[in-house]
């Protein structure tokens, strides 16, 4: 069995509720949250239409394939 490693990119969207004194404070809290905290405290999703493979490694003979190389070789791996 071969281990495949992907470097990917996706656009996600979410909803979070923040308690604050005013809207400016709430926005500041949101914008200063780490990604981990944001994901842990939000309901989130992705429409998956923007998910892209940036690079792929497919074993020791096919390392750091870019998106185009992966698409050409994926059926042969």
Protein backbone atom coordinates (compact mmCIF):
# COMPACT_ATOMS: atom_id res chain seq x y z
CA UNK A 1 0.00 0.00 0.00
CA UNK A 2 1.29 3.48 -0.88
CA UNK A 3 0.88 6.52 1.33
CA UNK A 4 -0.40 9.60 -0.52
CA UNK A 5 0.16 13.05 0.96
CA UNK A 6 -1.74 16.07 -0.33
CA UNK A 7 -1.17 19.78 0.13
CA UNK A 8 -4.68 21.17 -0.39
CA UNK A 9 -6.56 24.43 -0.30
CA UNK A 10 -10.26 24.98 0.35
CA UNK A 11 -12.56 27.88 1.11
CA UNK A 12 -14.71 27.39 4.18
CA UNK A 13 -17.47 29.48 5.68
CA UNK A 14 -19.00 29.45 9.11
CA UNK A 15 -21.21 30.95 11.76
CA UNK A 16 -20.17 31.89 15.28
CA UNK A 17 -21.90 33.68 18.16
CA UNK A 18 -19.78 36.11 20.18
CA UNK A 19 -20.81 37.90 23.38
CA UNK A 20 -19.48 41.46 23.44
CA UNK A 21 -20.36 44.99 24.60
CA UNK A 22 -20.81 46.27 21.04
CA UNK A 23 -20.42 45.26 17.40
CA UNK A 24 -16.92 46.69 17.15
CA UNK A 25 -15.80 44.61 20.13
CA UNK A 26 -17.40 41.49 18.65
CA UNK A 27 -15.67 42.06 15.33
CA UNK A 28 -12.33 42.59 17.05
CA UNK A 29 -12.74 39.34 18.99
CA UNK A 30 -13.61 37.50 15.77
CA UNK A 31 -10.70 38.89 13.79
CA UNK A 32 -8.20 38.11 16.57
CA UNK A 33 -9.29 34.49 17.09
CA UNK A 34 -6.87 31.78 16.02
CA UNK A 35 -8.08 29.49 13.27
CA UNK A 36 -8.25 26.62 15.74
CA UNK A 37 -10.46 28.61 18.14
CA UNK A 38 -12.61 29.82 15.27
CA UNK A 39 -13.22 26.28 13.99
CA UNK A 40 -13.80 24.87 17.48
CA UNK A 41 -16.46 27.48 18.24
CA UNK A 42 -18.22 27.73 14.88
CA UNK A 43 -20.58 25.78 12.75
CA UNK A 44 -18.72 25.56 9.46
CA UNK A 45 -18.89 23.97 6.05
CA UNK A 46 -17.42 24.08 2.57
CA UNK A 47 -19.22 23.86 -0.73
CA UNK A 48 -16.27 21.76 -1.97
CA UNK A 49 -16.39 23.48 -5.36
CA UNK A 50 -13.20 25.38 -4.57
CA UNK A 51 -11.18 22.50 -3.10
CA UNK A 52 -7.90 22.19 -4.97
CA UNK A 53 -4.86 19.95 -4.77
CA UNK A 54 -1.77 22.13 -4.70
CA UNK A 55 0.87 19.37 -4.50
CA UNK A 56 0.85 15.61 -4.02
CA UNK A 57 3.40 13.02 -2.98
CA UNK A 58 2.71 9.46 -4.12
CA UNK A 59 5.47 7.34 -2.70
CA UNK A 60 9.18 7.82 -3.12
CA UNK A 61 9.15 7.90 -6.94
CA UNK A 62 6.53 10.62 -7.34
CA UNK A 63 7.26 13.41 -4.87
CA UNK A 64 6.06 17.01 -5.05
CA UNK A 65 3.77 16.61 -8.03
CA UNK A 66 1.97 19.84 -8.84
CA UNK A 67 -1.74 19.85 -9.68
CA UNK A 68 -1.19 19.27 -13.41
CA UNK A 69 1.31 16.43 -12.90
CA UNK A 70 -1.05 14.77 -10.41
CA UNK A 71 -3.98 14.96 -12.84
CA UNK A 72 -1.88 13.39 -15.61
CA UNK A 73 -0.45 10.58 -13.48
CA UNK A 74 -3.21 9.82 -10.97
CA UNK A 75 -4.81 7.06 -13.04
CA UNK A 76 -1.47 5.26 -13.39
CA UNK A 77 -0.53 5.29 -9.70
